[in-house]
Amino acid sequence: MDLPASPDRIGVLVVDDHPLLRAGLLDTIVDQLDMRVLGEAATGEEAVQQFNSVRPDVTIMDIAMPGMDGVQALRAIRAVHPGAKIIMLTTYVGDVQIRRAIDAGAAGFLLKSSVRKDLLDTIRDVHAGKRCIAPDVAQALTQHLGESALSEREIAVLRCVALGNANKRVAQQLEIAEETVKAHMRTILAKLDARDRTHAVTIALKRGIIVL
């Protein structure tokens, strides 16, 4: 049973679109004497609304959610509350997605595979003002330092390719010449060190450059 609200306890908002995972996080937090659950949300839009309503000390938020994703919600919250302490949850180590979250002001990262072990300490550390990045996440970030990032147009081309479109169809969708699509693909392959289109899509999905 949760204890009565106390100003000395860490108020936590939990955001994840998977009900079972969200319930597990809530159950773990509720059992802690130094924490209390202030709210929960299943979407980025709900997260922004809940944050404005309950003003948590720490927010746990999934990066990948339908509609407004975790990074977009993070930006929206910190645009109004620049001091918000938000820990991002991710299933896989995708350096581009994580870098976007860091640039948006994320205070920490947790892999879902290590939540049971690291959740509570990460909440406490972030509340104390520390930035917490799991070793696997840090390694993914350093692995691609210095590499040329894909441009917005190149990402748009690759996203269309990932949906199974041939160059001609990509050109029609993006309203550019087919030769331009081919030129973009050559640049994409070089930047990602990919063997072919399929390999480029695989790399982009793994690193969080595109999300389908």
C-alpha atoms as a PDB file:
ATOM      1  CA  MET A   1       0.000   0.000   0.000  1.00  0.00           C
ATOM      2  CA  ASP A   2       1.354   3.444  -0.890  1.00  0.00           C
ATOM      3  CA  LEU A   3       2.279   5.815   1.907  1.00  0.00           C
ATOM      4  CA  PRO A   4       0.673   9.233   2.332  1.00  0.00           C
ATOM      5  CA  ALA A   5       2.150  11.985   0.204  1.00  0.00           C
ATOM      6  CA  SER A   6       5.232  13.615   1.673  1.00  0.00           C
ATOM      7  CA  PRO A   7       7.281  16.524   0.335  1.00  0.00           C
ATOM      8  CA  ASP A   8      10.449  14.531   1.103  1.00  0.00           C
ATOM      9  CA  ARG A   9       9.532  11.707  -1.257  1.00  0.00           C
ATOM     10  CA  ILE A  10      10.436  11.690  -4.953  1.00  0.00           C
ATOM     11  CA  GLY A  11       7.316  12.253  -7.063  1.00  0.00           C
ATOM     12  CA  VAL A  12       7.439  10.133 -10.225  1.00  0.00           C
ATOM     13  CA  LEU A  13       5.460  10.186 -13.484  1.00  0.00           C
ATOM     14  CA  VAL A  14       5.593   6.969 -15.556  1.00  0.00           C
ATOM     15  CA  VAL A  15       5.023   7.084 -19.331  1.00  0.00           C
ATOM     16  CA  ASP A  16       4.919   3.955 -21.513  1.00  0.00           C
ATOM     17  CA  ASP A  17       2.450   2.706 -24.099  1.00  0.00           C
ATOM     18  CA  HIS A  18       2.770  -0.932 -22.970  1.00  0.00           C
ATOM     19  CA  PRO A  19       0.345  -1.502 -20.056  1.00  0.00           C
ATOM     20  CA  LEU A  20       2.224  -4.462 -18.547  1.00  0.00           C
ATOM     21  CA  LEU A  21       5.574  -2.691 -18.483  1.00  0.00           C
ATOM     22  CA  ARG A  22       3.965   0.471 -17.136  1.00  0.00           C
ATOM     23  CA  ALA A  23       2.267  -1.539 -14.380  1.00  0.00           C
ATOM     24  CA  GLY A  24       5.560  -3.183 -13.470  1.00  0.00           C
ATOM     25  CA  LEU A  25       7.290   0.180 -13.176  1.00  0.00           C
ATOM     26  CA  LEU A  26       4.476   1.564 -11.064  1.00  0.00           C
ATOM     27  CA  ASP A  27       4.478  -1.436  -8.710  1.00  0.00           C
ATOM     28  CA  THR A  28       8.224  -1.144  -8.183  1.00  0.00           C
ATOM     29  CA  ILE A  29       8.079   2.578  -7.418  1.00  0.00           C
ATOM     30  CA  VAL A  30       5.062   2.333  -5.110  1.00  0.00           C
ATOM     31  CA  ASP A  31       6.951  -0.073  -2.838  1.00  0.00           C
ATOM     32  CA  GLN A  32       9.736   2.449  -2.154  1.00  0.00           C
ATOM     33  CA  LEU A  33       9.635   4.474   1.056  1.00  0.00           C
ATOM     34  CA  ASP A  34      11.332   7.455  -0.594  1.00  0.00           C
ATOM     35  CA  MET A  35       9.146   7.581  -3.727  1.00  0.00           C
ATOM     36  CA  ARG A  36       5.533   8.138  -4.708  1.00  0.00           C
ATOM     37  CA  VAL A  37       3.687   7.785  -8.000  1.00  0.00           C
ATOM     38  CA  LEU A  38       2.097  11.042  -9.114  1.00  0.00           C
ATOM     39  CA  GLY A  39       0.655   9.809 -12.388  1.00  0.00           C
ATOM     40  CA  GLU A  40       0.949   7.629 -15.458  1.00  0.00           C
ATOM     41  CA  ALA A  41       0.486   8.103 -19.187  1.00  0.00           C
ATOM     42  CA  ALA A  42       0.378   5.916 -22.293  1.00  0.00           C
ATOM     43  CA  THR A  43       1.222   8.501 -24.973  1.00  0.00           C
ATOM     44  CA  GLY A  44       3.466  11.499 -25.471  1.00  0.00           C
ATOM     45  CA  GLU A  45       0.461  13.807 -25.548  1.00  0.00           C
ATOM     46  CA  GLU A  46      -0.772  12.426 -22.217  1.00  0.00           C
ATOM     47  CA  ALA A  47       2.733  12.779 -20.782  1.00  0.00           C
ATOM     48  CA  VAL A  48       2.797  16.509 -21.527  1.00  0.00           C
ATOM     49  CA  GLN A  49      -0.660  16.984 -20.007  1.00  0.00           C
ATOM     50  CA  GLN A  50       0.163  14.928 -16.921  1.00  0.00           C
ATOM     51  CA  PHE A  51       3.472  16.687 -16.377  1.00  0.00           C
ATOM     52  CA  ASN A  52       1.784  20.078 -16.443  1.00  0.00           C
ATOM     53  CA  SER A  53      -0.820  18.788 -13.997  1.00  0.00           C
ATOM     54  CA  VAL A  54       1.231  16.887 -11.393  1.00  0.00           C
ATOM     55  CA  ARG A  55       4.718  18.479 -11.782  1.00  0.00           C
ATOM     56  CA  PRO A  56       6.768  15.347 -10.984  1.00  0.00           C
ATOM     57  CA  ASP A  57      10.311  15.432  -9.626  1.00  0.00           C
ATOM     58  CA  VAL A  58      11.346  12.697 -12.074  1.00  0.00           C
ATOM     59  CA  THR A  59       9.642  11.321 -15.196  1.00  0.00           C
ATOM     60  CA  ILE A  60      10.274   7.863 -16.671  1.00  0.00           C
ATOM     61  CA  MET A  61       9.371   7.946 -20.376  1.00  0.00           C
ATOM     62  CA  ASP A  62       9.586   5.471 -23.243  1.00  0.00           C
ATOM     63  CA  ILE A  63      11.360   6.824 -26.329  1.00  0.00           C
ATOM     64  CA  ALA A  64       9.304   4.843 -28.874  1.00  0.00           C
ATOM     65  CA  MET A  65       5.574   5.592 -28.700  1.00  0.00           C
ATOM     66  CA  PRO A  66       2.963   6.043 -31.441  1.00  0.00           C
ATOM     67  CA  GLY A  67       2.005   9.587 -32.329  1.00  0.00           C
ATOM     68  CA  MET A  68       4.085  11.988 -30.275  1.00  0.00           C
ATOM     69  CA  ASP A  69       7.138   9.922 -29.348  1.00  0.00           C
ATOM     70  CA  GLY A  70       9.205  10.252 -26.203  1.00  0.00           C
ATOM     71  CA  VAL A  71      11.746  12.690 -27.644  1.00  0.00           C
ATOM     72  CA  GLN A  72       8.995  14.977 -28.949  1.00  0.00           C
ATOM     73  CA  ALA A  73       7.266  14.860 -25.563  1.00  0.00           C
ATOM     74  CA  LEU A  74      10.585  15.547 -23.851  1.00  0.00           C
ATOM     75  CA  ARG A  75      11.091  18.646 -25.996  1.00  0.00           C
ATOM     76  CA  ALA A  76       7.540  19.846 -25.364  1.00  0.00           C
ATOM     77  CA  ILE A  77       7.857  19.441 -21.599  1.00  0.00           C
ATOM     78  CA  ARG A  78      11.262  21.082 -21.323  1.00  0.00           C
ATOM     79  CA  ALA A  79      10.197  23.978 -23.531  1.00  0.00           C
ATOM     80  CA  VAL A  80       7.846  24.985 -20.698  1.00  0.00           C
ATOM     81  CA  HIS A  81       9.725  23.405 -17.764  1.00  0.00           C
ATOM     82  CA  PRO A  82      13.460  23.587 -18.600  1.00  0.00           C
ATOM     83  CA  GLY A  83      14.392  22.025 -15.267  1.00  0.00           C
ATOM     84  CA  ALA A  84      12.358  18.840 -15.862  1.00  0.00           C
ATOM     85  CA  LYS A  85      14.301  15.667 -15.022  1.00  0.00           C
ATOM     86  CA  ILE A  86      13.310  12.990 -17.527  1.00  0.00           C
ATOM     87  CA  ILE A  87      14.746   9.472 -17.834  1.00  0.00           C
ATOM     88  CA  MET A  88      14.248   7.860 -21.226  1.00  0.00           C
ATOM     89  CA  LEU A  89      13.429   4.155 -21.597  1.00  0.00           C
ATOM     90  CA  THR A  90      14.541   2.304 -24.706  1.00  0.00           C
ATOM     91  CA  THR A  91      14.345  -1.297 -25.911  1.00  0.00           C
ATOM     92  CA  TYR A  92      17.498  -1.121 -28.009  1.00  0.00           C
ATOM     93  CA  VAL A  93      20.638   0.979 -28.236  1.00  0.00           C
ATOM     94  CA  GLY A  94      20.081   3.323 -31.194  1.00  0.00           C
ATOM     95  CA  ASP A  95      22.674   6.089 -31.018  1.00  0.00           C
ATOM     96  CA  VAL A  96      20.861   8.615 -33.223  1.00  0.00           C
ATOM     97  CA  GLN A  97      17.623   8.410 -31.265  1.00  0.00           C
ATOM     98  CA  ILE A  98      19.532   8.657 -27.990  1.00  0.00           C
ATOM     99  CA  ARG A  99      21.565  11.626 -29.222  1.00  0.00           C
ATOM    100  CA  ARG A 100      18.329  13.434 -30.115  1.00  0.00           C
ATOM    101  CA  ALA A 101      17.099  12.838 -26.582  1.00  0.00           C
ATOM    102  CA  ILE A 102      20.371  14.091 -25.077  1.00  0.00           C
ATOM    103  CA  ASP A 103      20.184  17.217 -27.230  1.00  0.00           C
ATOM    104  CA  ALA A 104      16.610  17.719 -25.985  1.00  0.00           C
ATOM    105  CA  GLY A 105      17.773  17.555 -22.368  1.00  0.00           C
ATOM    106  CA  ALA A 106      17.232  13.967 -21.192  1.00  0.00           C
ATOM    107  CA  ALA A 107      18.684  13.422 -17.716  1.00  0.00           C
ATOM    108  CA  GLY A 108      19.235   9.688 -18.087  1.00  0.00           C
ATOM    109  CA  PHE A 109      18.701   6.542 -20.118  1.00  0.00           C
ATOM    110  CA  LEU A 110      17.592   3.060 -19.127  1.00  0.00           C
ATOM    111  CA  LEU A 111      17.524  -0.031 -21.298  1.00  0.00           C
ATOM    112  CA  LYS A 112      14.293  -1.921 -20.697  1.00  0.00           C
ATOM    113  CA  SER A 113      16.333  -5.082 -20.272  1.00  0.00           C
ATOM    114  CA  SER A 114      17.995  -3.579 -17.188  1.00  0.00           C
ATOM    115  CA  VAL A 115      15.024  -1.778 -15.646  1.00  0.00           C
ATOM    116  CA  ARG A 116      14.589  -4.291 -12.838  1.00  0.00           C
ATOM    117  CA  LYS A 117      18.207  -3.820 -11.759  1.00  0.00           C
ATOM    118  CA  ASP A 118      18.791  -0.114 -12.392  1.00  0.00           C
ATOM    119  CA  LEU A 119      15.433   1.697 -12.208  1.00  0.00           C
ATOM    120  CA  LEU A 120      15.417   2.804  -8.577  1.00  0.00           C
ATOM    121  CA  ASP A 121      19.053   3.898  -8.386  1.00  0.00           C
ATOM    122  CA  THR A 122      18.656   5.840 -11.627  1.00  0.00           C
ATOM    123  CA  ILE A 123      15.584   7.676 -10.298  1.00  0.00           C
ATOM    124  CA  ARG A 124      17.452   8.591  -7.108  1.00  0.00           C
ATOM    125  CA  ASP A 125      20.583   9.702  -8.947  1.00  0.00           C
ATOM    126  CA  VAL A 126      18.681  11.834 -11.467  1.00  0.00           C
ATOM    127  CA  HIS A 127      16.654  13.401  -8.663  1.00  0.00           C
ATOM    128  CA  ALA A 128      19.968  14.271  -6.977  1.00  0.00           C
ATOM    129  CA  GLY A 129      21.060  16.122 -10.105  1.00  0.00           C
ATOM    130  CA  LYS A 130      23.212  13.492 -11.783  1.00  0.00           C
ATOM    131  CA  ARG A 131      23.021  12.432 -15.445  1.00  0.00           C
ATOM    132  CA  CYS A 132      22.763   8.661 -15.759  1.00  0.00           C
ATOM    133  CA  ILE A 133      23.625   6.893 -19.000  1.00  0.00           C
ATOM    134  CA  ALA A 134      23.850   3.093 -19.055  1.00  0.00           C
ATOM    135  CA  PRO A 135      27.260   1.755 -20.209  1.00  0.00           C
ATOM    136  CA  ASP A 136      25.750   0.105 -23.300  1.00  0.00           C
ATOM    137  CA  VAL A 137      24.149   3.404 -24.278  1.00  0.00           C
ATOM    138  CA  ALA A 138      27.369   5.353 -23.754  1.00  0.00           C
ATOM    139  CA  GLN A 139      29.251   2.836 -25.888  1.00  0.00           C
ATOM    140  CA  ALA A 140      26.754   3.206 -28.722  1.00  0.00           C
ATOM    141  CA  LEU A 141      27.152   6.980 -28.623  1.00  0.00           C
ATOM    142  CA  THR A 142      30.953   6.921 -28.780  1.00  0.00           C
ATOM    143  CA  GLN A 143      30.998   4.269 -31.521  1.00  0.00           C
ATOM    144  CA  HIS A 144      29.732   6.729 -34.151  1.00  0.00           C
ATOM    145  CA  LEU A 145      31.422   9.940 -33.028  1.00  0.00           C
ATOM    146  CA  GLY A 146      32.786  11.927 -35.949  1.00  0.00           C
ATOM    147  CA  GLU A 147      30.650  10.229 -38.584  1.00  0.00           C
ATOM    148  CA  SER A 148      28.664  12.334 -41.040  1.00  0.00           C
ATOM    149  CA  ALA A 149      24.989  12.437 -40.155  1.00  0.00           C
ATOM    150  CA  LEU A 150      22.309  11.900 -42.783  1.00  0.00           C
ATOM    151  CA  SER A 151      20.529  15.046 -43.917  1.00  0.00           C
ATOM    152  CA  GLU A 152      16.770  15.409 -43.479  1.00  0.00           C
ATOM    153  CA  ARG A 153      16.296  14.744 -47.206  1.00  0.00           C
ATOM    154  CA  GLU A 154      18.464  11.621 -47.058  1.00  0.00           C
ATOM    155  CA  ILE A 155      16.456  10.366 -44.088  1.00  0.00           C
ATOM    156  CA  ALA A 156      13.238  10.985 -46.014  1.00  0.00           C
ATOM    157  CA  VAL A 157      14.594   9.031 -48.994  1.00  0.00           C
ATOM    158  CA  LEU A 158      15.711   6.143 -46.796  1.00  0.00           C
ATOM    159  CA  ARG A 159      12.374   6.040 -45.005  1.00  0.00           C
ATOM    160  CA  CYS A 160      10.590   5.707 -48.348  1.00  0.00           C
ATOM    161  CA  VAL A 161      13.007   2.967 -49.405  1.00  0.00           C
ATOM    162  CA  ALA A 162      12.417   1.156 -46.116  1.00  0.00           C
ATOM    163  CA  LEU A 163       8.712   0.989 -46.989  1.00  0.00           C
ATOM    164  CA  GLY A 164       9.566  -0.988 -50.116  1.00  0.00           C
ATOM    165  CA  ASN A 165       9.452   1.788 -52.705  1.00  0.00           C
ATOM    166  CA  ALA A 166      11.631   1.709 -55.826  1.00  0.00           C
ATOM    167  CA  ASN A 167      13.565   4.836 -56.812  1.00  0.00           C
ATOM    168  CA  LYS A 168      10.880   5.995 -59.238  1.00  0.00           C
ATOM    169  CA  ARG A 169       8.191   5.801 -56.573  1.00  0.00           C
ATOM    170  CA  VAL A 170      10.427   7.536 -54.018  1.00  0.00           C
ATOM    171  CA  ALA A 171      10.991  10.338 -56.513  1.00  0.00           C
ATOM    172  CA  GLN A 172       7.247  10.724 -57.020  1.00  0.00           C
ATOM    173  CA  GLN A 173       6.507  10.784 -53.297  1.00  0.00           C
ATOM    174  CA  LEU A 174       9.208  13.339 -52.517  1.00  0.00           C
ATOM    175  CA  GLU A 175       8.656  15.301 -55.741  1.00  0.00           C
ATOM    176  CA  ILE A 176      12.287  15.098 -56.831  1.00  0.00           C
ATOM    177  CA  ALA A 177      14.031  13.625 -59.866  1.00  0.00           C
ATOM    178  CA  GLU A 178      14.788   9.913 -59.950  1.00  0.00           C
ATOM    179  CA  GLU A 179      18.474  10.713 -60.559  1.00  0.00           C
ATOM    180  CA  THR A 180      18.419  12.784 -57.376  1.00  0.00           C
ATOM    181  CA  VAL A 181      17.100   9.792 -55.462  1.00  0.00           C
ATOM    182  CA  LYS A 182      19.936   7.666 -56.854  1.00  0.00           C
ATOM    183  CA  ALA A 183      22.469  10.324 -55.837  1.00  0.00           C
ATOM    184  CA  HIS A 184      21.022  10.438 -52.321  1.00  0.00           C
ATOM    185  CA  MET A 185      21.202   6.649 -52.081  1.00  0.00           C
ATOM    186  CA  ARG A 186      24.882   6.654 -53.059  1.00  0.00           C
ATOM    187  CA  THR A 187      25.583   9.192 -50.325  1.00  0.00           C
ATOM    188  CA  ILE A 188      23.505   7.226 -47.801  1.00  0.00           C
ATOM    189  CA  LEU A 189      25.397   4.009 -48.532  1.00  0.00           C
ATOM    190  CA  ALA A 190      28.715   5.809 -48.105  1.00  0.00           C
ATOM    191  CA  LYS A 191      27.747   7.529 -44.839  1.00  0.00           C
ATOM    192  CA  LEU A 192      26.352   4.340 -43.295  1.00  0.00           C
ATOM    193  CA  ASP A 193      29.086   2.119 -44.744  1.00  0.00           C
ATOM    194  CA  ALA A 194      26.295  -0.072 -46.117  1.00  0.00           C
ATOM    195  CA  ARG A 195      26.598  -2.716 -48.831  1.00  0.00           C
ATOM    196  CA  ASP A 196      23.219  -2.080 -50.421  1.00  0.00           C
ATOM    197  CA  ARG A 197      19.758  -0.589 -49.839  1.00  0.00           C
ATOM    198  CA  THR A 198      18.581  -3.385 -47.566  1.00  0.00           C
ATOM    199  CA  HIS A 199      21.724  -3.144 -45.450  1.00  0.00           C
ATOM    200  CA  ALA A 200      21.295   0.642 -45.212  1.00  0.00           C
ATOM    201  CA  VAL A 201      17.718   0.260 -43.974  1.00  0.00           C
ATOM    202  CA  THR A 202      18.795  -2.348 -41.406  1.00  0.00           C
ATOM    203  CA  ILE A 203      21.522  -0.056 -40.074  1.00  0.00           C
ATOM    204  CA  ALA A 204      19.192   2.949 -39.983  1.00  0.00           C
ATOM    205  CA  LEU A 205      16.530   1.054 -38.034  1.00  0.00           C
ATOM    206  CA  LYS A 206      19.078  -0.309 -35.561  1.00  0.00           C
ATOM    207  CA  ARG A 207      20.599   3.107 -34.925  1.00  0.00           C
ATOM    208  CA  GLY A 208      17.244   4.892 -34.680  1.00  0.00           C
ATOM    209  CA  ILE A 209      17.844   7.026 -37.767  1.00  0.00           C
ATOM    210  CA  ILE A 210      14.423   5.974 -39.050  1.00  0.00           C
ATOM    211  CA  VAL A 211      11.464   4.474 -37.214  1.00  0.00           C
ATOM    212  CA  LEU A 212       8.734   2.571 -39.052  1.00  0.00           C
END
